[in-house]
Amino acid sequence: MTLARKLLLFAVLAAILGGGGYLGWQTFFSRDLPAGIASGNGRIEATEIDVSTKIPGRIREILVNEGDFVEAGQVLAYMDTEQLEAQRRQAEAQFQRARIGIDTARSLVTQREAERRAAQATIAQREAELDAANRKFARSAQLVKTNAVSEQVYDDDRANAEAAKAAVGAAQAQLAASEAGISSAKAMVVDAEAAVDAARAAIDSITADINDAVLRSPRAGRIQYRVAQPGEVLSAGGRVLNLVDLGDVYMTFFLPTVQAGRVGLGAEVRLVLDAAPQYVIPAKATFVADVAQFTPKTVETEEERLKLMFRIKAQIPPDLLKKYIQQVKTGLPGMAYVRLDPAAKWPARLQQGLVQ
């Protein structure tokens, strides 16, 4: 027999023995289950969270590596903020300019109000002059009838009265112009105040972007992947890191229709992992799918409907996860045993080695 044929035969035997050993172990853990307990294959999973950029930018520094445990709020990476810092300085300069604009507009309002008071005083003066001119003209009109005054005096007094009347009109026009000037100056104040608010909002927005350039962990967990590296330029929403929330770990497994229909939310579940069959991990059913995951091509008979498989989610208690945080690993396959009947008793093998 050639060497190649011997190696091939050895590989086939190893696969058969390995598969047989696994099937034997799985049969051992699945046999003789009480009527109120069901089992299904599953895999340990956890909530994955992408740590991403909010705005486009270059990664300046990443502080964690794959496999590192992180706490909620811990700084994970820094984005380059040089351009944002320049934009904030520009916005701060505009803010100062807008504040000066408010003072200038308010000074103009004060000036226009002074002009209004002057115009009001001028109107009073011109009205007094008009009253005197009208009185004098009235006397001249009486005296000219008796030739007590000359026609020239009469004409002069009438001209003076008309001139005084025109002066009052001019003073009133000046007052109206002052009023309009005040309204315009007050509008300038409002505009300057709005410019201040806009500049302040721009500063706040840029400051928020600068703060968001410090990427922090939203939850406690473990870094799973470094998706990007320092120096890379990312678009908005670009992924930098991927972490696993080890406080939200569960196993997903599947049960046929009859058994899935008996699983209640909060039902007790026990998990046995392939990598550590000597340990039994307590869990609780927190989700039962309302739609079958495996559907035959046709489901026209009752027997075929019973083949439908529904997804079940078994959550591991957070306190237990926190206690054994260093040993928690996702992706591990295993078996899930769920108690369909609260009165059913666990087999001895699922009571021994119970992790607490």
Protein backbone atom coordinates (compact mmCIF):
# COMPACT_ATOMS: atom_id res chain seq x y z
CA MET A 1 0.00 0.00 0.00
CA THR A 2 1.42 3.37 -0.98
CA LEU A 3 2.08 6.12 1.57
CA ALA A 4 -0.65 8.32 0.09
CA ARG A 5 -3.26 5.56 0.43
CA LYS A 6 -2.17 4.90 4.04
CA LEU A 7 -2.51 8.60 4.93
CA LEU A 8 -5.94 8.74 3.29
CA LEU A 9 -7.08 5.65 5.20
CA PHE A 10 -5.79 7.10 8.47
CA ALA A 11 -7.65 10.38 7.88
CA VAL A 12 -10.90 8.55 7.13
CA LEU A 13 -10.58 6.41 10.28
CA ALA A 14 -9.82 9.49 12.39
CA ALA A 15 -12.88 11.27 11.04
CA ILE A 16 -15.09 8.26 11.72
CA LEU A 17 -13.76 7.84 15.24
CA GLY A 18 -14.01 11.55 15.99
CA GLY A 19 -17.51 11.81 14.59
CA GLY A 20 -18.53 8.64 16.37
CA GLY A 21 -17.13 9.98 19.64
CA TYR A 22 -19.00 13.23 19.28
CA LEU A 23 -22.24 11.47 18.34
CA GLY A 24 -21.77 9.11 21.25
CA TRP A 25 -21.26 12.00 23.67
CA GLN A 26 -24.28 13.80 22.26
CA THR A 27 -26.38 10.64 22.50
CA PHE A 28 -25.26 10.22 26.10
CA PHE A 29 -26.48 13.70 26.95
CA SER A 30 -29.73 13.36 25.03
CA ARG A 31 -30.93 9.94 26.07
CA ASP A 32 -33.45 9.22 28.80
CA LEU A 33 -34.71 12.80 29.10
CA PRO A 34 -37.90 13.10 31.17
CA ALA A 35 -41.10 13.86 29.30
CA GLY A 36 -41.11 17.48 30.48
CA ILE A 37 -37.61 18.32 29.19
CA ALA A 38 -36.50 18.90 25.58
CA SER A 39 -33.08 19.45 24.04
CA GLY A 40 -31.62 21.10 20.99
CA ASN A 41 -28.27 21.98 19.44
CA GLY A 42 -27.10 25.55 19.76
CA ARG A 43 -24.20 27.96 19.81
CA ILE A 44 -23.14 30.58 22.34
CA GLU A 45 -23.74 34.08 20.99
CA ALA A 46 -23.53 37.61 22.34
CA THR A 47 -24.63 41.08 21.33
CA GLU A 48 -22.05 42.60 18.99
CA ILE A 49 -21.52 46.36 18.89
CA ASP A 50 -19.69 48.33 16.22
CA VAL A 51 -17.73 51.34 17.45
CA SER A 52 -17.94 53.72 14.50
CA THR A 53 -17.10 57.27 13.57
CA LYS A 54 -19.80 59.94 13.59
CA ILE A 55 -18.15 62.18 11.01
CA PRO A 56 -15.53 61.57 8.31
CA GLY A 57 -11.95 61.70 9.52
CA ARG A 58 -8.59 60.05 10.00
CA ILE A 59 -7.89 57.62 12.85
CA ARG A 60 -5.16 59.10 15.03
CA GLU A 61 -4.74 56.36 17.61
CA ILE A 62 -6.33 53.09 18.73
CA LEU A 63 -5.74 52.22 22.38
CA VAL A 64 -7.01 48.62 22.52
CA ASN A 65 -6.22 45.32 20.86
CA GLU A 66 -8.31 42.32 19.96
CA GLY A 67 -9.20 40.31 23.05
CA ASP A 68 -8.91 43.23 25.46
CA PHE A 69 -11.64 43.64 28.07
CA VAL A 70 -13.06 47.17 28.24
CA GLU A 71 -15.40 49.01 30.57
CA ALA A 72 -18.36 51.20 29.63
CA GLY A 73 -17.13 54.71 28.85
CA GLN A 74 -13.52 53.66 28.40
CA VAL A 75 -11.64 55.52 25.65
CA LEU A 76 -10.94 53.15 22.78
CA ALA A 77 -9.62 55.37 19.99
CA TYR A 78 -8.98 58.97 18.95
CA MET A 79 -9.85 60.54 15.62
CA ASP A 80 -7.78 63.41 14.25
CA THR A 81 -9.39 66.74 15.20
CA GLU A 82 -6.93 69.29 13.77
CA GLN A 83 -9.40 70.55 11.17
CA LEU A 84 -12.23 70.64 13.70
CA GLU A 85 -10.09 72.65 16.11
CA ALA A 86 -9.44 75.20 13.34
CA GLN A 87 -13.15 75.39 12.57
CA ARG A 88 -13.91 75.97 16.23
CA ARG A 89 -11.39 78.82 16.42
CA GLN A 90 -13.03 80.37 13.37
CA ALA A 91 -16.47 80.01 14.96
CA GLU A 92 -15.20 81.58 18.19
CA ALA A 93 -13.86 84.57 16.22
CA GLN A 94 -17.25 84.96 14.53
CA PHE A 95 -18.86 84.78 17.95
CA GLN A 96 -16.72 87.64 19.25
CA ARG A 97 -17.45 89.68 16.12
CA ALA A 98 -21.17 89.10 16.57
CA ARG A 99 -20.99 90.21 20.21
CA ILE A 100 -19.29 93.43 19.13
CA GLY A 101 -22.04 93.82 16.54
CA ILE A 102 -24.62 93.76 19.34
CA ASP A 103 -22.85 96.58 21.20
CA THR A 104 -22.59 98.62 18.00
CA ALA A 105 -26.27 98.12 17.19
CA ARG A 106 -27.31 99.07 20.71
CA SER A 107 -25.21 102.24 20.51
CA LEU A 108 -26.94 103.10 17.26
CA VAL A 109 -30.32 102.63 18.95
CA THR A 110 -29.25 105.04 21.68
CA GLN A 111 -28.14 107.56 19.07
CA ARG A 112 -31.41 107.31 17.16
CA GLU A 113 -33.42 107.73 20.36
CA ALA A 114 -31.43 110.91 21.14
CA GLU A 115 -32.22 112.18 17.64
CA ARG A 116 -35.89 111.47 18.30
CA ARG A 117 -35.85 113.51 21.49
CA ALA A 118 -34.14 116.34 19.62
CA ALA A 119 -36.75 116.14 16.88
CA GLN A 120 -39.54 116.22 19.47
CA ALA A 121 -37.98 119.34 21.05
CA THR A 122 -37.65 120.95 17.64
CA ILE A 123 -41.31 120.25 16.92
CA ALA A 124 -42.31 121.92 20.18
CA GLN A 125 -40.18 124.92 19.31
CA ARG A 126 -41.52 125.15 15.79
CA GLU A 127 -45.12 124.83 17.00
CA ALA A 128 -44.54 127.69 19.45
CA GLU A 129 -43.10 129.78 16.64
CA LEU A 130 -46.09 128.86 14.46
CA ASP A 131 -48.51 129.90 17.20
CA ALA A 132 -46.77 133.26 17.59
CA ALA A 133 -46.67 133.80 13.83
CA ASN A 134 -50.36 132.97 13.51
CA ARG A 135 -51.28 135.40 16.31
CA LYS A 136 -49.23 138.17 14.75
CA PHE A 137 -50.70 137.50 11.34
CA ALA A 138 -54.22 137.61 12.81
CA ARG A 139 -53.56 141.01 14.37
CA SER A 140 -52.10 142.33 11.11
CA ALA A 141 -55.19 141.12 9.27
CA GLN A 142 -57.39 143.24 11.58
CA LEU A 143 -55.15 146.28 11.55
CA VAL A 144 -54.69 146.37 7.80
CA LYS A 145 -58.45 146.93 7.45
CA THR A 146 -58.14 150.22 9.33
CA ASN A 147 -54.84 151.08 7.69
CA ALA A 148 -53.14 150.84 11.10
CA VAL A 149 -50.40 148.77 9.45
CA SER A 150 -49.19 148.73 5.93
CA GLU A 151 -49.89 146.06 3.36
CA GLN A 152 -46.20 145.17 3.51
CA VAL A 153 -46.39 144.36 7.21
CA TYR A 154 -49.48 142.26 6.55
CA ASP A 155 -47.72 140.35 3.76
CA ASP A 156 -44.62 139.80 5.90
CA ASP A 157 -46.66 138.45 8.83
CA ARG A 158 -48.53 136.08 6.53
CA ALA A 159 -45.25 134.84 5.01
CA ASN A 160 -43.84 134.32 8.49
CA ALA A 161 -46.89 132.28 9.51
CA GLU A 162 -46.57 130.08 6.44
CA ALA A 163 -42.86 129.65 7.07
CA ALA A 164 -43.53 128.65 10.69
CA LYS A 165 -46.09 126.14 9.51
CA ALA A 166 -43.60 124.65 7.05
CA ALA A 167 -40.98 124.48 9.81
CA VAL A 168 -43.37 122.47 11.98
CA GLY A 169 -43.91 120.05 9.07
CA ALA A 170 -40.14 119.69 8.57
CA ALA A 171 -39.64 119.00 12.30
CA GLN A 172 -42.38 116.38 12.22
CA ALA A 173 -40.72 114.73 9.20
CA GLN A 174 -37.44 114.68 11.12
CA LEU A 175 -39.20 112.98 14.02
CA ALA A 176 -40.65 110.35 11.67
CA ALA A 177 -37.17 109.74 10.27
CA SER A 178 -35.83 109.32 13.81
CA GLU A 179 -38.58 106.80 14.59
CA ALA A 180 -37.69 104.83 11.47
CA GLY A 181 -34.01 104.99 12.44
CA ILE A 182 -34.81 103.58 15.87
CA SER A 183 -36.75 100.67 14.36
CA SER A 184 -33.90 99.96 11.96
CA ALA A 185 -31.33 100.10 14.77
CA LYS A 186 -33.42 97.75 16.92
CA ALA A 187 -33.66 95.34 13.98
CA MET A 188 -29.88 95.46 13.77
CA VAL A 189 -29.70 94.52 17.45
CA VAL A 190 -31.96 91.52 16.85
CA ASP A 191 -29.87 90.52 13.84
CA ALA A 192 -26.65 90.84 15.83
CA GLU A 193 -28.11 88.77 18.68
CA ALA A 194 -29.16 86.12 16.16
CA ALA A 195 -25.62 86.12 14.78
CA VAL A 196 -24.32 85.55 18.32
CA ASP A 197 -26.72 82.64 18.80
CA ALA A 198 -25.71 81.17 15.42
CA ALA A 199 -22.01 81.49 16.25
CA ARG A 200 -22.57 79.93 19.67
CA ALA A 201 -24.51 77.05 18.08
CA ALA A 202 -21.68 76.55 15.57
CA ILE A 203 -19.18 76.37 18.44
CA ASP A 204 -21.38 73.86 20.28
CA SER A 205 -21.77 71.75 17.15
CA ILE A 206 -18.06 71.67 16.43
CA THR A 207 -17.30 70.96 20.10
CA ALA A 208 -19.74 68.04 19.97
CA ASP A 209 -17.94 66.70 16.89
CA ILE A 210 -14.60 67.05 18.69
CA ASN A 211 -15.99 65.18 21.68
CA ASP A 212 -17.36 62.49 19.37
CA ALA A 213 -13.89 62.12 17.90
CA VAL A 214 -13.00 60.39 21.17
CA LEU A 215 -14.45 56.92 20.63
CA ARG A 216 -15.64 55.36 23.88
CA SER A 217 -16.99 51.94 24.68
CA PRO A 218 -20.81 52.05 24.94
CA ARG A 219 -20.80 48.97 27.18
CA ALA A 220 -18.48 46.68 29.07
CA GLY A 221 -17.24 43.86 26.88
CA ARG A 222 -14.35 42.41 24.93
CA ILE A 223 -12.79 43.73 21.73
CA GLN A 224 -13.43 41.21 18.98
CA TYR A 225 -11.96 42.91 15.90
CA ARG A 226 -9.89 45.94 14.97
CA VAL A 227 -11.71 46.75 11.75
CA ALA A 228 -9.50 49.72 10.86
CA GLN A 229 -5.99 50.87 11.72
CA PRO A 230 -4.44 54.24 12.73
CA GLY A 231 -3.92 56.51 9.75
CA GLU A 232 -6.90 55.25 7.79
CA VAL A 233 -9.45 57.79 6.61
CA LEU A 234 -13.04 56.72 7.25
CA SER A 235 -16.34 58.09 6.07
CA ALA A 236 -19.15 58.94 8.47
CA GLY A 237 -20.23 55.76 10.20
CA GLY A 238 -16.98 53.98 9.36
CA ARG A 239 -16.33 51.00 11.64
CA VAL A 240 -13.22 51.18 13.82
CA LEU A 241 -13.76 48.38 16.34
CA ASN A 242 -16.15 45.55 16.99
CA LEU A 243 -16.80 44.47 20.56
CA VAL A 244 -18.89 41.80 22.23
CA ASP A 245 -21.16 42.71 25.11
CA LEU A 246 -20.33 39.94 27.58
CA GLY A 247 -23.22 41.01 29.76
CA ASP A 248 -25.67 39.83 27.09
CA VAL A 249 -24.68 36.24 26.27
CA TYR A 250 -27.15 33.60 25.15
CA MET A 251 -27.53 30.36 23.22
CA THR A 252 -29.84 30.02 20.26
CA PHE A 253 -31.27 26.58 19.61
CA PHE A 254 -34.22 25.08 17.75
CA LEU A 255 -37.15 22.89 18.76
CA PRO A 256 -39.95 21.28 16.74
CA THR A 257 -43.48 22.63 16.80
CA VAL A 258 -44.91 20.58 19.67
CA GLN A 259 -42.00 21.25 22.03
CA ALA A 260 -41.57 24.92 21.04
CA GLY A 261 -45.23 25.52 21.75
CA ARG A 262 -44.72 24.42 25.35
CA VAL A 263 -41.73 26.68 26.06
CA GLY A 264 -42.79 29.57 28.26
CA LEU A 265 -40.85 32.79 28.60
CA GLY A 266 -38.67 32.48 31.66
CA ALA A 267 -38.57 28.69 31.41
CA GLU A 268 -35.49 27.19 33.01
CA VAL A 269 -32.75 26.12 30.60
CA ARG A 270 -29.45 24.36 31.16
CA LEU A 271 -26.57 24.54 28.71
CA VAL A 272 -23.76 22.03 28.18
CA LEU A 273 -20.92 23.15 25.92
CA ASP A 274 -18.89 20.77 23.75
CA ALA A 275 -15.67 22.36 25.01
CA ALA A 276 -16.53 21.81 28.70
CA PRO A 277 -19.13 19.03 29.07
CA GLN A 278 -18.37 18.71 32.78
CA TYR A 279 -20.06 22.07 33.45
CA VAL A 280 -23.78 22.81 33.32
CA ILE A 281 -24.66 26.47 32.77
CA PRO A 282 -28.04 27.77 33.99
CA ALA A 283 -30.08 30.00 31.69
CA LYS A 284 -33.64 31.15 31.02
CA ALA A 285 -35.72 31.18 27.86
CA THR A 286 -36.25 34.82 26.91
CA PHE A 287 -37.48 34.47 23.32
CA VAL A 288 -39.54 32.01 21.29
CA ALA A 289 -39.88 32.73 17.57
CA ASP A 290 -43.43 33.13 16.27
CA VAL A 291 -42.36 32.06 12.78
CA ALA A 292 -40.81 28.71 11.90
CA GLN A 293 -37.18 28.83 10.88
CA PHE A 294 -37.05 25.51 9.01
CA THR A 295 -39.97 25.02 6.67
CA PRO A 296 -40.40 21.92 4.43
CA LYS A 297 -41.30 22.50 0.81
CA THR A 298 -44.89 21.53 1.55
CA VAL A 299 -46.72 21.45 4.85
CA GLU A 300 -49.94 19.85 3.82
CA THR A 301 -50.07 17.12 6.45
CA GLU A 302 -49.99 17.16 10.22
CA GLU A 303 -46.77 15.13 10.23
CA GLU A 304 -45.02 17.72 8.07
CA ARG A 305 -46.26 20.57 10.25
CA LEU A 306 -44.70 18.84 13.26
CA LYS A 307 -41.31 19.04 11.52
CA LEU A 308 -41.32 22.85 11.62
CA MET A 309 -38.50 24.17 13.82
CA PHE A 310 -38.76 27.31 15.95
CA ARG A 311 -35.88 29.35 17.30
CA ILE A 312 -35.47 29.61 21.08
CA LYS A 313 -33.16 32.03 22.88
CA ALA A 314 -31.74 31.09 26.28
CA GLN A 315 -30.21 33.99 28.22
CA ILE A 316 -27.36 33.40 30.68
CA PRO A 317 -27.80 35.45 33.92
CA PRO A 318 -25.69 38.67 33.87
CA ASP A 319 -24.47 38.08 37.43
CA LEU A 320 -23.09 34.70 36.43
CA LEU A 321 -21.45 36.19 33.34
CA LYS A 322 -19.81 38.89 35.44
CA LYS A 323 -18.45 36.28 37.84
CA TYR A 324 -16.85 34.23 35.06
CA ILE A 325 -16.15 37.06 32.62
CA GLN A 326 -12.66 35.81 31.76
CA GLN A 327 -14.00 32.41 30.68
CA VAL A 328 -16.86 33.69 28.51
CA LYS A 329 -16.33 32.91 24.82
CA THR A 330 -18.77 33.20 21.97
CA GLY A 331 -19.19 30.79 19.09
CA LEU A 332 -18.91 27.64 21.22
CA PRO A 333 -21.39 24.91 20.21
CA GLY A 334 -23.30 22.80 22.69
CA MET A 335 -26.64 21.45 23.82
CA ALA A 336 -29.53 23.30 25.42
CA TYR A 337 -32.00 21.53 27.70
CA VAL A 338 -35.25 23.35 28.43
CA ARG A 339 -37.84 22.41 31.03
CA LEU A 340 -41.22 22.36 29.29
CA ASP A 341 -43.05 21.27 32.44
CA PRO A 342 -42.19 23.25 35.61
CA ALA A 343 -42.84 20.09 37.62
CA ALA A 344 -40.33 17.99 35.64
CA LYS A 345 -37.12 17.13 37.48
CA TRP A 346 -33.70 17.56 35.95
CA PRO A 347 -31.70 14.38 35.29
CA ALA A 348 -28.78 13.83 37.65
CA ARG A 349 -26.24 14.60 34.92
CA LEU A 350 -27.77 18.09 34.49
CA GLN A 351 -27.66 18.78 38.23
CA GLN A 352 -24.04 17.79 38.75
CA GLY A 353 -21.49 20.41 37.80
CA LEU A 354 -24.05 23.22 37.81
CA VAL A 355 -22.20 26.52 37.59
CA GLN A 356 -23.24 28.96 40.31
